[in-house]
Amino acid sequence: MRLGHKTLFILRIVTITQLIYQYRNKSKLIKRLRDSTYENRIS
């Protein structure tokens, strides 16, 4: 039982960290897109 709980806990941490990385990458992409659209408007 203990081992099962431990592995589940580790899996949960891994999935959460993956979600955080995905969210960060998405926000970076969005920022880049915003910057490019802003530059296009000026020129």
PDB file of N, CA and C in Angstrom:
ATOM      1  N   MET A   1       0.834  -1.210   0.000  1.00  0.00           N
ATOM      2  CA  MET A   1       0.000   0.000   0.000  1.00  0.00           C
ATOM      3  C   MET A   1       0.867   1.258   0.000  1.00  0.00           C
ATOM      4  N   ARG A   2       1.876   1.254   0.877  1.00  0.00           N
ATOM      5  CA  ARG A   2       2.739   2.446   0.975  1.00  0.00           C
ATOM      6  C   ARG A   2       3.426   2.743  -0.352  1.00  0.00           C
ATOM      7  N   LEU A   3       3.995   1.683  -0.974  1.00  0.00           N
ATOM      8  CA  LEU A   3       4.688   1.871  -2.248  1.00  0.00           C
ATOM      9  C   LEU A   3       3.733   2.446  -3.284  1.00  0.00           C
ATOM     10  N   GLY A   4       2.518   1.912  -3.332  1.00  0.00           N
ATOM     11  CA  GLY A   4       1.533   2.414  -4.289  1.00  0.00           C
ATOM     12  C   GLY A   4       1.269   3.893  -4.092  1.00  0.00           C
ATOM     13  N   HIS A   5       1.081   4.285  -2.822  1.00  0.00           N
ATOM     14  CA  HIS A   5       0.826   5.698  -2.534  1.00  0.00           C
ATOM     15  C   HIS A   5       2.009   6.562  -2.948  1.00  0.00           C
ATOM     16  N   LYS A   6       3.216   6.055  -2.696  1.00  0.00           N
ATOM     17  CA  LYS A   6       4.420   6.821  -3.046  1.00  0.00           C
ATOM     18  C   LYS A   6       4.511   7.046  -4.541  1.00  0.00           C
ATOM     19  N   THR A   7       4.283   5.977  -5.321  1.00  0.00           N
ATOM     20  CA  THR A   7       4.374   6.100  -6.777  1.00  0.00           C
ATOM     21  C   THR A   7       3.301   7.052  -7.295  1.00  0.00           C
ATOM     22  N   LEU A   8       2.092   6.971  -6.752  1.00  0.00           N
ATOM     23  CA  LEU A   8       1.012   7.880  -7.159  1.00  0.00           C
ATOM     24  C   LEU A   8       1.416   9.310  -6.866  1.00  0.00           C
ATOM     25  N   PHE A   9       2.001   9.548  -5.689  1.00  0.00           N
ATOM     26  CA  PHE A   9       2.440  10.891  -5.298  1.00  0.00           C
ATOM     27  C   PHE A   9       3.473  11.423  -6.281  1.00  0.00           C
ATOM     28  N   ILE A  10       4.456  10.564  -6.629  1.00  0.00           N
ATOM     29  CA  ILE A  10       5.514  10.971  -7.569  1.00  0.00           C
ATOM     30  C   ILE A  10       4.899  11.293  -8.935  1.00  0.00           C
ATOM     31  N   LEU A  11       3.972  10.426  -9.391  1.00  0.00           N
ATOM     32  CA  LEU A  11       3.320  10.649 -10.688  1.00  0.00           C
ATOM     33  C   LEU A  11       2.594  11.976 -10.682  1.00  0.00           C
ATOM     34  N   ARG A  12       1.925  12.277  -9.575  1.00  0.00           N
ATOM     35  CA  ARG A  12       1.174  13.540  -9.475  1.00  0.00           C
ATOM     36  C   ARG A  12       2.123  14.725  -9.590  1.00  0.00           C
ATOM     37  N   ILE A  13       3.255  14.658  -8.900  1.00  0.00           N
ATOM     38  CA  ILE A  13       4.236  15.753  -8.949  1.00  0.00           C
ATOM     39  C   ILE A  13       4.734  15.933 -10.376  1.00  0.00           C
ATOM     40  N   VAL A  14       5.036  14.814 -11.046  1.00  0.00           N
ATOM     41  CA  VAL A  14       5.555  14.873 -12.419  1.00  0.00           C
ATOM     42  C   VAL A  14       4.535  15.533 -13.335  1.00  0.00           C
ATOM     43  N   THR A  15       3.272  15.118 -13.235  1.00  0.00           N
ATOM     44  CA  THR A  15       2.239  15.690 -14.111  1.00  0.00           C
ATOM     45  C   THR A  15       2.074  17.178 -13.838  1.00  0.00           C
ATOM     46  N   ILE A  16       2.124  17.574 -12.564  1.00  0.00           N
ATOM     47  CA  ILE A  16       1.962  18.995 -12.211  1.00  0.00           C
ATOM     48  C   ILE A  16       3.109  19.809 -12.796  1.00  0.00           C
ATOM     49  N   THR A  17       4.348  19.302 -12.666  1.00  0.00           N
ATOM     50  CA  THR A  17       5.491  20.032 -13.193  1.00  0.00           C
ATOM     51  C   THR A  17       5.383  20.155 -14.712  1.00  0.00           C
ATOM     52  N   GLN A  18       4.924  19.081 -15.374  1.00  0.00           N
ATOM     53  CA  GLN A  18       4.759  19.127 -16.834  1.00  0.00           C
ATOM     54  C   GLN A  18       3.741  20.186 -17.212  1.00  0.00           C
ATOM     55  N   LEU A  19       2.633  20.255 -16.459  1.00  0.00           N
ATOM     56  CA  LEU A  19       1.597  21.249 -16.741  1.00  0.00           C
ATOM     57  C   LEU A  19       2.159  22.655 -16.582  1.00  0.00           C
ATOM     58  N   ILE A  20       2.963  22.854 -15.527  1.00  0.00           N
ATOM     59  CA  ILE A  20       3.550  24.179 -15.281  1.00  0.00           C
ATOM     60  C   ILE A  20       4.458  24.562 -16.450  1.00  0.00           C
ATOM     61  N   TYR A  21       5.304  23.622 -16.902  1.00  0.00           N
ATOM     62  CA  TYR A  21       6.203  23.917 -18.021  1.00  0.00           C
ATOM     63  C   TYR A  21       5.411  24.254 -19.275  1.00  0.00           C
ATOM     64  N   GLN A  22       4.326  23.468 -19.544  1.00  0.00           N
ATOM     65  CA  GLN A  22       3.488  23.736 -20.719  1.00  0.00           C
ATOM     66  C   GLN A  22       2.891  25.134 -20.623  1.00  0.00           C
ATOM     67  N   TYR A  23       2.397  25.496 -19.437  1.00  0.00           N
ATOM     68  CA  TYR A  23       1.777  26.813 -19.247  1.00  0.00           C
ATOM     69  C   TYR A  23       2.796  27.925 -19.495  1.00  0.00           C
ATOM     70  N   ARG A  24       4.011  27.732 -18.978  1.00  0.00           N
ATOM     71  CA  ARG A  24       5.071  28.739 -19.178  1.00  0.00           C
ATOM     72  C   ARG A  24       5.387  28.899 -20.653  1.00  0.00           C
ATOM     73  N   ASN A  25       5.538  27.765 -21.357  1.00  0.00           N
ATOM     74  CA  ASN A  25       5.845  27.820 -22.790  1.00  0.00           C
ATOM     75  C   ASN A  25       4.728  28.522 -23.543  1.00  0.00           C
ATOM     76  N   LYS A  26       3.478  28.233 -23.191  1.00  0.00           N
ATOM     77  CA  LYS A  26       2.333  28.863 -23.860  1.00  0.00           C
ATOM     78  C   LYS A  26       2.360  30.368 -23.639  1.00  0.00           C
ATOM     79  N   SER A  27       2.595  30.796 -22.407  1.00  0.00           N
ATOM     80  CA  SER A  27       2.616  32.234 -22.116  1.00  0.00           C
ATOM     81  C   SER A  27       3.745  32.915 -22.894  1.00  0.00           C
ATOM     82  N   LYS A  28       4.881  32.229 -23.011  1.00  0.00           N
ATOM     83  CA  LYS A  28       6.001  32.789 -23.780  1.00  0.00           C
ATOM     84  C   LYS A  28       5.601  32.952 -25.232  1.00  0.00           C
ATOM     85  N   LEU A  29       4.937  31.916 -25.794  1.00  0.00           N
ATOM     86  CA  LEU A  29       4.495  31.968 -27.194  1.00  0.00           C
ATOM     87  C   LEU A  29       3.514  33.108 -27.388  1.00  0.00           C
ATOM     88  N   ILE A  30       2.572  33.250 -26.459  1.00  0.00           N
ATOM     89  CA  ILE A  30       1.564  34.310 -26.553  1.00  0.00           C
ATOM     90  C   ILE A  30       2.248  35.674 -26.524  1.00  0.00           C
ATOM     91  N   LYS A  31       3.228  35.830 -25.638  1.00  0.00           N
ATOM     92  CA  LYS A  31       3.947  37.109 -25.533  1.00  0.00           C
ATOM     93  C   LYS A  31       4.656  37.411 -26.851  1.00  0.00           C
ATOM     94  N   ARG A  32       5.287  36.396 -27.442  1.00  0.00           N
ATOM     95  CA  ARG A  32       5.986  36.573 -28.703  1.00  0.00           C
ATOM     96  C   ARG A  32       5.009  36.992 -29.797  1.00  0.00           C
ATOM     97  N   LEU A  33       3.849  36.314 -29.837  1.00  0.00           N
ATOM     98  CA  LEU A  33       2.831  36.643 -30.849  1.00  0.00           C
ATOM     99  C   LEU A  33       2.359  38.074 -30.657  1.00  0.00           C
ATOM    100  N   ARG A  34       2.121  38.480 -29.415  1.00  0.00           N
ATOM    101  CA  ARG A  34       1.671  39.849 -29.122  1.00  0.00           C
ATOM    102  C   ARG A  34       2.707  40.854 -29.609  1.00  0.00           C
ATOM    103  N   ASP A  35       3.970  40.587 -29.305  1.00  0.00           N
ATOM    104  CA  ASP A  35       5.040  41.508 -29.718  1.00  0.00           C
ATOM    105  C   ASP A  35       5.063  41.642 -31.241  1.00  0.00           C
ATOM    106  N   SER A  36       4.949  40.509 -31.943  1.00  0.00           N
ATOM    107  CA  SER A  36       5.013  40.554 -33.410  1.00  0.00           C
ATOM    108  C   SER A  36       3.825  41.329 -33.971  1.00  0.00           C
ATOM    109  N   THR A  37       2.628  41.097 -33.429  1.00  0.00           N
ATOM    110  CA  THR A  37       1.449  41.813 -33.924  1.00  0.00           C
ATOM    111  C   THR A  37       1.590  43.303 -33.630  1.00  0.00           C
ATOM    112  N   TYR A  38       2.134  43.640 -32.470  1.00  0.00           N
ATOM    113  CA  TYR A  38       2.327  45.046 -32.101  1.00  0.00           C
ATOM    114  C   TYR A  38       3.293  45.721 -33.073  1.00  0.00           C
ATOM    115  N   GLU A  39       4.383  45.028 -33.393  1.00  0.00           N
ATOM    116  CA  GLU A  39       5.371  45.566 -34.334  1.00  0.00           C
ATOM    117  C   GLU A  39       4.741  45.769 -35.712  1.00  0.00           C
ATOM    118  N   ASN A  40       3.912  44.801 -36.133  1.00  0.00           N
ATOM    119  CA  ASN A  40       3.269  44.899 -37.454  1.00  0.00           C
ATOM    120  C   ASN A  40       2.351  46.115 -37.495  1.00  0.00           C
ATOM    121  N   ARG A  41       1.663  46.419 -36.403  1.00  0.00           N
ATOM    122  CA  ARG A  41       0.754  47.563 -36.368  1.00  0.00           C
ATOM    123  C   ARG A  41       1.524  48.864 -36.545  1.00  0.00           C
ATOM    124  N   ILE A  42       2.694  48.963 -35.926  1.00  0.00           N
ATOM    125  CA  ILE A  42       3.478  50.199 -35.985  1.00  0.00           C
ATOM    126  C   ILE A  42       3.961  50.445 -37.414  1.00  0.00           C
ATOM    127  N   SER A  43       4.515  49.407 -38.057  1.00  0.00           N
ATOM    128  CA  SER A  43       5.083  49.570 -39.396  1.00  0.00           C
ATOM    129  C   SER A  43       4.032  49.566 -40.497  1.00  0.00           C
TER     130      SER A  43
END
